[in-house]
Amino acid sequence: MALRHASAGCAAVAVLGALVLTGLPAAAAVEPPAPTPAPSAAETLGANSPSAVVLRALERDLSLTEAQARTRLVNEADAGTRAGRLQNALGKRFAGAWVSGDTSADLTVATTDVADSPAIEAGGAKAVVVTNPLADLKTAKSKLDAAATGKALDTPVRYIDVRTNRVTVQATSRAAANTLVAAAGVDSALVDVKVSADRPRALYDIRGGDAYYIDGTARCSVGFAVTKGEQQGFVSAGHCGKAGSKTAGFNQVDQGTFQASVFPGQDMSWVAVNSDWTATAAVKGEGGQDVQTAGSVQALTGAAVCRSGSTTGWHCGTIEQHDTSVSYAEGTVDGVTRTTVCAEPGDSGGSYISGAQAQGVTSGGSGDCTSGGTTFYQPVNPILSTYGLTLKTSTAESGTPAPQDGEAGTWAAGQVYEVGARVTHDGVSYECLQTHQAQGAWQPALTPGLWQRV
């Protein structure tokens, strides 16, 4: 998608007492109004009122009924809150969380201590006891990434699979995987090997379509609209262009300039647009209909996610693994998310959205949208925090206060918070339950789906 777009109460008690003492009939006591209940996670994230475009795509690509699709989005939003509370409570014993089932009705949380099982079950999740804490798996993956020197095309994908409690290495042969594991000095018991001929590629550099063009030669897809102070723009993939590269919009009208770009290592960039273009919260859905972005709350493993791109349009699938490393011919990119959504060249940079929550921008993948495939997206929250950008959201457009800086440890709109982060707001301390960029309307006291009072 291109951007164009109290004393009174005491008096009452005294009068009532006088009436009783004098023998006169007392008026019925008036009950104070019930406090307004805090919004659920689904209400905060907009999962309780999904767009028709999202629902139709989930029905088509995940073989769901409309009722199942609606229920799934609500369940995934609420599961994120429960998983965050349990992750913070388990600390170093936490080994991952994921949702499963057609409607994501089942939340599983892994721990290394069987004594945690009652607390996990009391927190609304199924408990699984495993050997390796998530921190150890992250350490093992980091060693594998460091040992994957050069372009590592024989071991192109490495990720933590919380469902198997292992690090998975996708390799062109088992021998190549064994060589990498030995070079990294990682215990082979921590590693699963997936032999595949798939070679992920960056998806770019074809002509035509409703997208944006880079220096008149390549085409990519807009990710999400952002602002930086008064400057408007959008985020996209780093491999789409270098800092200083010029862009034209879907209509070939001059649009803007890449302000920053990183690739490989990460796959992120942002483009500042000229005054002819206006940032909106819209993502182009099926049939050109808009899907509104309400925030950037990171979805759990197993959650449904949809992608918009200028080559293949609107497709959905599920999140397989976060924090994946993938090696392209141009080099290795770390910290991407692996999905079952298909994509093709020219879709690069395009939006991934879960319900109404922005997830990331298309990096690359293998396969196509005819036979199916695997894709990887660069998460959006690191792009926002790296470049100091604010996601354009429907919440902000409806009157949310502008982002503001806060003192260290003080909650502030516009900041990206990860699970476990602690802040203070109005003198009260809170702990973050789901990774997100704070919106002005998402003050901790008002969003129990995102923050827990401590």
Protein backbone atom coordinates (compact mmCIF):
# COMPACT_ATOMS: atom_id res chain seq x y z
CA MET A 1 0.00 0.00 0.00
CA ALA A 2 1.39 3.40 -0.94
CA LEU A 3 0.75 6.34 1.37
CA ARG A 4 -1.56 9.11 -0.07
CA HIS A 5 -2.93 9.15 1.49
CA ALA A 6 -17.05 12.79 48.90
CA SER A 7 -18.46 15.32 51.36
CA ALA A 8 -21.86 15.10 49.70
CA GLY A 9 -21.96 11.39 50.51
CA CYS A 10 -21.35 12.11 54.23
CA ALA A 11 -24.22 14.63 54.26
CA ALA A 12 -26.53 12.05 52.76
CA VAL A 13 -25.66 9.58 55.50
CA ALA A 14 -26.34 12.18 58.19
CA VAL A 15 -29.79 12.97 56.79
CA LEU A 16 -30.68 9.30 56.57
CA GLY A 17 -29.69 8.81 60.21
CA ALA A 18 -31.85 11.74 61.30
CA LEU A 19 -34.86 10.30 59.51
CA VAL A 20 -34.48 6.99 61.28
CA LEU A 21 -34.06 8.58 64.70
CA THR A 22 -37.20 10.66 64.34
CA GLY A 23 -39.24 7.67 63.30
CA LEU A 24 -39.88 8.90 59.77
CA PRO A 25 -39.64 6.37 56.92
CA ALA A 26 -36.19 6.33 55.44
CA ALA A 27 -35.66 6.62 51.72
CA ALA A 28 -33.99 3.66 50.07
CA ALA A 29 -30.22 3.99 49.98
CA VAL A 30 -28.89 4.79 46.52
CA GLU A 31 -26.22 2.38 45.37
CA PRO A 32 -23.15 4.05 43.85
CA PRO A 33 -22.66 3.29 40.16
CA ALA A 34 -20.60 0.20 39.48
CA PRO A 35 -17.08 0.97 38.29
CA THR A 36 -16.49 0.61 34.58
CA PRO A 37 -14.76 -2.72 33.99
CA ALA A 38 -11.27 -2.58 32.54
CA PRO A 39 -11.12 -3.55 28.87
CA SER A 40 -10.07 -7.09 28.03
CA ALA A 41 -6.95 -7.78 26.01
CA ALA A 42 -9.12 -8.46 22.98
CA GLU A 43 -10.86 -5.08 23.38
CA THR A 44 -7.55 -3.25 23.82
CA LEU A 45 -6.04 -4.87 20.74
CA GLY A 46 -9.19 -4.57 18.61
CA ALA A 47 -9.43 -8.35 18.27
CA ASN A 48 -13.10 -8.31 19.30
CA SER A 49 -14.08 -6.33 16.20
CA PRO A 50 -11.98 -7.61 13.28
CA SER A 51 -12.46 -6.27 9.78
CA ALA A 52 -14.37 -8.31 7.21
CA VAL A 53 -11.20 -8.42 5.09
CA VAL A 54 -9.24 -10.16 7.85
CA LEU A 55 -12.07 -12.60 8.55
CA ARG A 56 -12.48 -13.62 4.90
CA ALA A 57 -8.74 -14.22 4.50
CA LEU A 58 -8.55 -16.35 7.66
CA GLU A 59 -11.55 -18.37 6.48
CA ARG A 60 -9.89 -18.96 3.10
CA ASP A 61 -6.29 -19.60 4.11
CA LEU A 62 -6.79 -21.40 7.44
CA SER A 63 -10.01 -23.22 6.47
CA LEU A 64 -12.05 -21.64 9.25
CA THR A 65 -15.67 -20.62 9.57
CA GLU A 66 -16.37 -16.95 10.31
CA ALA A 67 -17.26 -17.86 13.90
CA GLN A 68 -14.00 -19.76 14.30
CA ALA A 69 -11.98 -16.87 12.86
CA ARG A 70 -13.60 -14.40 15.26
CA THR A 71 -13.06 -16.69 18.23
CA ARG A 72 -9.45 -17.34 17.24
CA LEU A 73 -8.52 -13.64 17.20
CA VAL A 74 -10.07 -13.07 20.65
CA ASN A 75 -8.39 -16.18 22.08
CA GLU A 76 -4.99 -15.18 20.74
CA ALA A 77 -5.21 -11.69 22.24
CA ASP A 78 -6.22 -13.03 25.66
CA ALA A 79 -3.61 -15.81 25.51
CA GLY A 80 -0.87 -13.24 25.00
CA THR A 81 -1.77 -11.62 28.32
CA ARG A 82 -1.84 -14.93 30.20
CA ALA A 83 1.46 -16.00 28.65
CA GLY A 84 3.07 -12.71 29.63
CA ARG A 85 1.98 -13.05 33.27
CA LEU A 86 3.34 -16.60 33.43
CA GLN A 87 6.61 -15.68 31.71
CA ASN A 88 7.22 -12.93 34.25
CA ALA A 89 6.33 -15.25 37.14
CA LEU A 90 8.50 -18.17 35.97
CA GLY A 91 11.57 -16.09 35.24
CA LYS A 92 14.58 -18.23 34.29
CA ARG A 93 12.48 -21.42 34.31
CA PHE A 94 10.31 -20.18 31.43
CA ALA A 95 10.83 -22.21 28.25
CA GLY A 96 8.28 -20.73 25.81
CA ALA A 97 4.57 -20.39 25.09
CA TRP A 98 2.35 -21.14 22.11
CA VAL A 99 -1.28 -21.43 21.07
CA SER A 100 -2.85 -24.31 19.15
CA GLY A 101 -6.17 -25.56 17.76
CA ASP A 102 -8.44 -24.16 15.06
CA THR A 103 -9.57 -21.36 17.37
CA SER A 104 -6.28 -21.09 19.33
CA ALA A 105 -8.26 -22.22 22.38
CA ASP A 106 -5.26 -23.99 23.90
CA LEU A 107 -2.37 -22.05 25.43
CA THR A 108 0.68 -24.10 26.40
CA VAL A 109 3.46 -22.78 28.63
CA ALA A 110 6.70 -24.71 29.07
CA THR A 111 8.77 -24.76 32.25
CA THR A 112 11.84 -26.63 33.46
CA ASP A 113 10.35 -27.26 36.93
CA VAL A 114 7.39 -29.59 37.48
CA ALA A 115 6.57 -27.63 40.64
CA ASP A 116 5.41 -24.77 38.39
CA SER A 117 2.63 -26.87 36.83
CA PRO A 118 -0.16 -25.95 39.28
CA ALA A 119 0.55 -22.23 38.88
CA ILE A 120 0.62 -22.52 35.08
CA GLU A 121 -2.70 -24.38 35.07
CA ALA A 122 -4.18 -21.84 37.48
CA GLY A 123 -3.05 -19.16 35.02
CA GLY A 124 -5.21 -20.67 32.28
CA ALA A 125 -2.60 -22.69 30.37
CA LYS A 126 -1.53 -26.26 29.86
CA ALA A 127 1.81 -26.97 31.57
CA VAL A 128 4.61 -28.82 29.81
CA VAL A 129 7.80 -29.71 31.65
CA VAL A 130 10.92 -29.62 29.46
CA THR A 131 14.67 -29.89 29.88
CA ASN A 132 15.96 -26.62 28.47
CA PRO A 133 14.99 -23.10 29.58
CA LEU A 134 14.45 -20.57 26.81
CA ALA A 135 17.59 -18.69 27.85
CA ASP A 136 19.77 -21.76 27.18
CA LEU A 137 18.21 -22.27 23.76
CA LYS A 138 18.90 -18.63 22.92
CA THR A 139 22.54 -19.09 23.91
CA ALA A 140 22.85 -22.18 21.72
CA LYS A 141 21.28 -20.40 18.77
CA SER A 142 23.64 -17.45 19.19
CA LYS A 143 26.60 -19.83 19.00
CA LEU A 144 25.21 -21.45 15.86
CA ASP A 145 24.65 -18.04 14.27
CA ALA A 146 28.21 -17.00 15.07
CA ALA A 147 29.59 -20.21 13.57
CA ALA A 148 27.54 -19.80 10.36
CA THR A 149 30.27 -17.79 8.68
CA GLY A 150 30.00 -16.17 5.27
CA LYS A 151 26.67 -16.59 3.53
CA ALA A 152 25.99 -20.00 5.14
CA LEU A 153 23.84 -21.14 2.24
CA ASP A 154 24.18 -24.80 3.20
CA THR A 155 22.59 -24.06 6.62
CA PRO A 156 20.36 -21.13 5.68
CA VAL A 157 17.81 -21.13 8.53
CA ARG A 158 18.25 -21.43 12.29
CA TYR A 159 15.52 -20.92 14.88
CA ILE A 160 14.29 -21.87 18.36
CA ASP A 161 11.25 -24.16 18.23
CA VAL A 162 9.60 -23.75 21.63
CA ARG A 163 7.22 -26.61 20.86
CA THR A 164 10.08 -29.14 20.59
CA ASN A 165 12.35 -27.40 23.13
CA ARG A 166 15.18 -27.49 20.59
CA VAL A 167 17.07 -25.25 18.20
CA THR A 168 16.30 -26.24 14.61
CA VAL A 169 18.89 -25.99 11.85
CA GLN A 170 17.54 -26.16 8.31
CA ALA A 171 20.32 -27.45 6.07
CA THR A 172 20.83 -28.77 2.57
CA SER A 173 22.28 -31.96 4.09
CA ARG A 174 22.69 -33.54 7.50
CA ALA A 175 26.46 -33.40 7.05
CA ALA A 176 26.32 -29.61 6.64
CA ALA A 177 24.25 -29.30 9.81
CA ASN A 178 26.60 -31.55 11.77
CA THR A 179 29.57 -29.48 10.64
CA LEU A 180 27.88 -26.29 11.86
CA VAL A 181 26.92 -27.80 15.23
CA ALA A 182 30.48 -29.06 15.78
CA ALA A 183 31.99 -25.69 14.80
CA ALA A 184 29.65 -23.90 17.22
CA GLY A 185 30.51 -26.20 20.11
CA VAL A 186 26.82 -26.77 20.81
CA ASP A 187 25.52 -29.98 22.40
CA SER A 188 23.88 -31.90 19.56
CA ALA A 189 21.11 -32.93 21.96
CA LEU A 190 19.88 -29.33 21.79
CA VAL A 191 19.60 -29.35 18.00
CA ASP A 192 17.08 -30.76 15.53
CA VAL A 193 18.09 -30.93 11.88
CA LYS A 194 15.65 -30.30 9.04
CA VAL A 195 17.05 -31.30 5.65
CA SER A 196 15.55 -29.21 2.86
CA ALA A 197 16.55 -28.04 -0.60
CA ASP A 198 14.73 -24.73 -0.03
CA ARG A 199 16.99 -21.70 -0.31
CA PRO A 200 15.31 -18.57 1.05
CA ARG A 201 15.73 -15.47 -1.08
CA ALA A 202 15.07 -11.79 -0.63
CA LEU A 203 11.86 -10.91 -2.49
CA TYR A 204 12.46 -7.84 -4.70
CA ASP A 205 13.52 -6.35 -8.04
CA ILE A 206 10.62 -6.95 -10.43
CA ARG A 207 8.52 -4.42 -12.32
CA GLY A 208 4.95 -3.24 -12.26
CA GLY A 209 2.20 -3.43 -9.63
CA ASP A 210 0.66 -1.29 -6.93
CA ALA A 211 3.74 -0.60 -4.82
CA TYR A 212 6.65 1.80 -4.56
CA TYR A 213 9.67 2.01 -6.82
CA ILE A 214 13.31 2.54 -5.86
CA ASP A 215 15.56 4.67 -8.07
CA GLY A 216 13.42 3.73 -11.06
CA THR A 217 14.72 0.16 -11.15
CA ALA A 218 13.28 -2.01 -8.37
CA ARG A 219 9.87 -2.49 -6.76
CA CYS A 220 8.95 -3.29 -3.17
CA SER A 221 5.89 -3.00 -0.94
CA VAL A 222 5.14 -0.47 1.78
CA GLY A 223 5.17 -1.91 5.28
CA PHE A 224 3.45 0.47 7.72
CA ALA A 225 3.03 4.24 7.88
CA VAL A 226 5.01 6.00 10.58
CA THR A 227 5.86 9.47 11.82
CA LYS A 228 9.00 10.97 13.32
CA GLY A 229 8.00 14.24 14.88
CA GLU A 230 6.24 16.12 12.07
CA GLN A 231 7.87 14.01 9.34
CA GLN A 232 5.68 11.35 7.77
CA GLY A 233 6.89 8.16 6.10
CA PHE A 234 6.80 4.38 6.13
CA VAL A 235 8.87 1.36 7.14
CA SER A 236 9.92 -1.38 4.76
CA ALA A 237 12.63 -3.98 4.22
CA GLY A 238 16.29 -2.95 4.27
CA HIS A 239 17.15 -4.86 1.13
CA CYS A 240 14.71 -2.71 -0.85
CA GLY A 241 16.99 0.33 -0.88
CA LYS A 242 19.95 2.12 0.67
CA ALA A 243 19.99 5.41 2.57
CA GLY A 244 19.64 8.18 0.02
CA SER A 245 17.77 6.09 -2.54
CA LYS A 246 14.77 7.87 -4.05
CA THR A 247 11.27 6.38 -4.18
CA ALA A 248 8.20 6.85 -6.33
CA GLY A 249 4.73 5.69 -5.34
CA PHE A 250 2.40 3.14 -6.87
CA ASN A 251 1.43 5.83 -9.41
CA GLN A 252 5.08 6.64 -10.27
CA VAL A 253 4.76 10.07 -8.59
CA ASP A 254 7.82 11.25 -6.64
CA GLN A 255 7.39 10.06 -3.09
CA GLY A 256 10.40 10.24 -0.76
CA THR A 257 13.90 9.19 0.27
CA PHE A 258 15.31 6.31 2.28
CA GLN A 259 16.52 7.80 5.57
CA ALA A 260 18.17 4.66 6.93
CA SER A 261 18.56 1.05 5.86
CA VAL A 262 20.17 -2.10 7.25
CA PHE A 263 20.72 -5.32 5.31
CA PRO A 264 22.04 -7.94 5.97
CA GLY A 265 22.28 -8.39 9.75
CA GLN A 266 18.74 -7.06 10.01
CA ASP A 267 16.31 -6.23 7.20
CA MET A 268 14.84 -2.83 8.05
CA SER A 269 14.50 0.62 6.54
CA TRP A 270 12.37 3.72 6.66
CA VAL A 271 11.43 6.24 4.01
CA ALA A 272 10.52 9.89 4.65
CA VAL A 273 7.87 11.09 2.20
CA ASN A 274 7.26 14.53 0.73
CA SER A 275 4.22 16.72 1.40
CA ASP A 276 2.21 15.12 -1.40
CA TRP A 277 1.82 11.97 0.64
CA THR A 278 -0.06 11.42 3.90
CA ALA A 279 0.54 8.65 6.41
CA THR A 280 -2.56 6.59 7.27
CA ALA A 281 -3.22 3.57 9.47
CA ALA A 282 -4.47 1.53 6.52
CA VAL A 283 -3.05 -1.71 5.16
CA LYS A 284 -4.29 -2.86 1.73
CA GLY A 285 -6.38 -5.98 2.14
CA GLU A 286 -8.18 -8.29 -0.24
CA GLY A 287 -9.86 -6.54 -3.15
CA GLY A 288 -8.17 -3.25 -2.25
CA GLN A 289 -10.19 -2.86 0.96
CA ASP A 290 -8.42 -1.25 3.91
CA VAL A 291 -7.51 -3.00 7.16
CA GLN A 292 -6.81 -0.56 9.99
CA THR A 293 -3.71 -0.90 12.19
CA ALA A 294 -4.42 -0.35 15.89
CA GLY A 295 -1.00 -1.09 17.43
CA SER A 296 2.01 -3.39 17.38
CA VAL A 297 1.41 -6.01 20.09
CA GLN A 298 3.56 -9.02 19.24
CA ALA A 299 1.54 -12.19 18.60
CA LEU A 300 2.40 -15.59 20.07
CA THR A 301 3.85 -18.56 18.24
CA GLY A 302 0.96 -20.37 16.57
CA ALA A 303 -1.11 -17.22 16.10
CA ALA A 304 -2.75 -16.33 12.79
CA VAL A 305 -1.07 -13.62 10.71
CA CYS A 306 -1.88 -12.02 7.33
CA ARG A 307 0.42 -10.40 4.78
CA SER A 308 -0.16 -7.66 2.21
CA GLY A 309 2.16 -7.36 -0.79
CA SER A 310 2.15 -5.72 -4.20
CA THR A 311 2.74 -8.94 -6.16
CA THR A 312 0.46 -11.52 -4.60
CA GLY A 313 -1.89 -9.36 -2.53
CA TRP A 314 -3.46 -10.59 0.71
CA HIS A 315 -2.63 -14.00 2.21
CA CYS A 316 -2.74 -15.50 5.69
CA GLY A 317 -1.04 -18.28 7.66
CA THR A 318 0.43 -18.85 11.10
CA ILE A 319 3.49 -17.76 13.04
CA GLU A 320 5.90 -20.67 13.32
CA GLN A 321 8.90 -19.25 15.24
CA HIS A 322 10.15 -15.89 16.44
CA ASP A 323 13.86 -14.95 16.61
CA THR A 324 14.87 -16.89 13.50
CA SER A 325 18.15 -16.46 11.62
CA VAL A 326 18.08 -16.87 7.84
CA SER A 327 20.94 -16.75 5.34
CA TYR A 328 20.25 -15.29 1.89
CA ALA A 329 22.74 -15.04 -0.97
CA GLU A 330 23.41 -11.46 0.20
CA GLY A 331 24.15 -12.45 3.82
CA THR A 332 22.52 -13.50 7.10
CA VAL A 333 19.61 -11.73 8.80
CA ASP A 334 18.91 -12.35 12.49
CA GLY A 335 15.79 -11.86 14.59
CA VAL A 336 13.17 -12.46 11.90
CA THR A 337 9.94 -14.41 12.35
CA ARG A 338 9.18 -17.56 10.33
CA THR A 339 5.64 -18.05 9.00
CA THR A 340 3.56 -20.31 6.76
CA VAL A 341 2.33 -17.35 4.68
CA CYS A 342 3.32 -17.40 1.01
CA ALA A 343 5.04 -14.53 -0.85
CA GLU A 344 6.80 -13.81 -4.12
CA PRO A 345 9.33 -11.27 -5.46
CA GLY A 346 8.00 -7.72 -5.17
CA ASP A 347 6.13 -8.51 -1.92
CA SER A 348 9.24 -7.51 0.04
CA GLY A 349 8.73 -4.82 2.65
CA GLY A 350 4.99 -5.46 2.80
CA SER A 351 2.86 -5.62 5.93
CA TYR A 352 2.31 -8.55 8.29
CA ILE A 353 -0.64 -7.96 10.59
CA SER A 354 -2.31 -10.13 13.23
CA GLY A 355 -5.91 -9.01 13.70
CA ALA A 356 -5.36 -5.26 13.94
CA GLN A 357 -1.82 -5.45 15.34
CA ALA A 358 1.20 -4.74 13.11
CA GLN A 359 3.76 -7.55 13.27
CA GLY A 360 6.49 -6.84 10.71
CA VAL A 361 7.62 -6.33 7.12
CA THR A 362 8.32 -9.05 4.56
CA SER A 363 11.98 -10.01 4.34
CA GLY A 364 12.18 -13.14 2.18
CA GLY A 365 11.26 -16.78 1.86
CA SER A 366 10.98 -19.82 -0.36
CA GLY A 367 8.21 -21.30 -2.48
CA ASP A 368 5.39 -19.24 -3.99
CA CYS A 369 1.67 -18.57 -3.66
CA THR A 370 0.75 -21.31 -6.14
CA SER A 371 2.43 -24.26 -4.45
CA GLY A 372 2.79 -22.67 -0.98
CA GLY A 373 5.88 -21.55 0.84
CA THR A 374 7.64 -20.26 3.92
CA THR A 375 8.31 -16.59 4.60
CA PHE A 376 10.22 -14.49 7.10
CA TYR A 377 9.35 -11.04 8.37
CA GLN A 378 11.43 -8.41 10.14
CA PRO A 379 9.49 -7.54 13.33
CA VAL A 380 8.19 -3.98 13.32
CA ASN A 381 8.87 -3.06 16.96
CA PRO A 382 12.69 -3.17 16.56
CA ILE A 383 12.36 -0.91 13.50
CA LEU A 384 10.32 1.61 15.50
CA SER A 385 12.74 1.64 18.42
CA THR A 386 15.91 1.66 16.29
CA TYR A 387 14.86 4.69 14.27
CA GLY A 388 12.72 6.49 16.87
CA LEU A 389 9.53 6.14 14.82
CA THR A 390 5.89 6.13 15.86
CA LEU A 391 3.51 3.70 14.18
CA LYS A 392 0.50 5.38 12.59
CA THR A 393 -2.57 3.78 14.14
CA SER A 394 -6.34 4.09 14.04
CA THR A 395 -6.19 4.69 17.80
CA ALA A 396 -4.00 7.75 17.27
CA GLU A 397 -6.26 9.06 14.51
CA SER A 398 -9.23 8.98 16.89
CA GLY A 399 -7.68 11.46 19.30
CA THR A 400 -4.88 9.70 21.14
CA PRO A 401 -2.33 12.09 22.69
CA ALA A 402 0.92 12.41 20.77
CA PRO A 403 3.90 10.31 21.89
CA GLN A 404 5.90 11.86 24.67
CA ASP A 405 9.24 11.25 26.29
CA GLY A 406 9.34 10.07 29.85
CA GLU A 407 12.01 9.93 32.53
CA ALA A 408 13.90 6.67 32.84
CA GLY A 409 11.48 4.01 34.08
CA THR A 410 8.43 6.20 33.50
CA TRP A 411 5.80 4.98 31.05
CA ALA A 412 5.62 7.06 27.88
CA ALA A 413 3.59 6.78 24.70
CA GLY A 414 5.70 5.98 21.66
CA GLN A 415 8.16 3.79 23.56
CA VAL A 416 8.56 0.10 22.69
CA TYR A 417 8.25 -2.16 25.74
CA GLU A 418 9.15 -5.85 25.90
CA VAL A 419 7.69 -8.54 28.15
CA GLY A 420 9.04 -8.07 31.68
CA ALA A 421 9.83 -4.35 31.31
CA ARG A 422 8.93 -2.34 34.42
CA VAL A 423 7.59 1.20 34.41
CA THR A 424 5.86 3.65 36.72
CA HIS A 425 2.78 5.69 35.85
CA ASP A 426 0.96 8.02 38.24
CA GLY A 427 3.15 6.68 41.05
CA VAL A 428 2.23 3.03 40.45
CA SER A 429 4.61 0.32 39.17
CA TYR A 430 3.67 -2.04 36.34
CA GLU A 431 5.25 -4.97 34.50
CA CYS A 432 4.78 -5.46 30.74
CA LEU A 433 2.88 -8.58 29.62
CA GLN A 434 3.10 -8.28 25.80
CA THR A 435 5.74 -6.63 23.63
CA HIS A 436 4.30 -3.47 22.00
CA GLN A 437 4.79 0.19 21.20
CA ALA A 438 2.80 2.20 23.75
CA GLN A 439 -0.14 4.19 22.39
CA GLY A 440 -1.42 7.28 24.19
CA ALA A 441 -4.70 5.56 25.00
CA TRP A 442 -2.90 2.48 26.33
CA GLN A 443 -1.96 3.82 29.76
CA PRO A 444 -1.03 0.92 32.07
CA ALA A 445 -3.97 1.38 34.45
CA LEU A 446 -6.37 1.16 31.49
CA THR A 447 -4.84 -1.86 29.74
CA PRO A 448 -4.62 -4.94 31.98
CA GLY A 449 -4.12 -6.95 28.80
CA LEU A 450 -0.71 -5.29 28.38
CA TRP A 451 0.37 -4.35 31.93
CA GLN A 452 0.24 -5.98 35.35
CA ARG A 453 0.41 -3.92 38.53
CA VAL A 454 3.34 -4.94 40.78
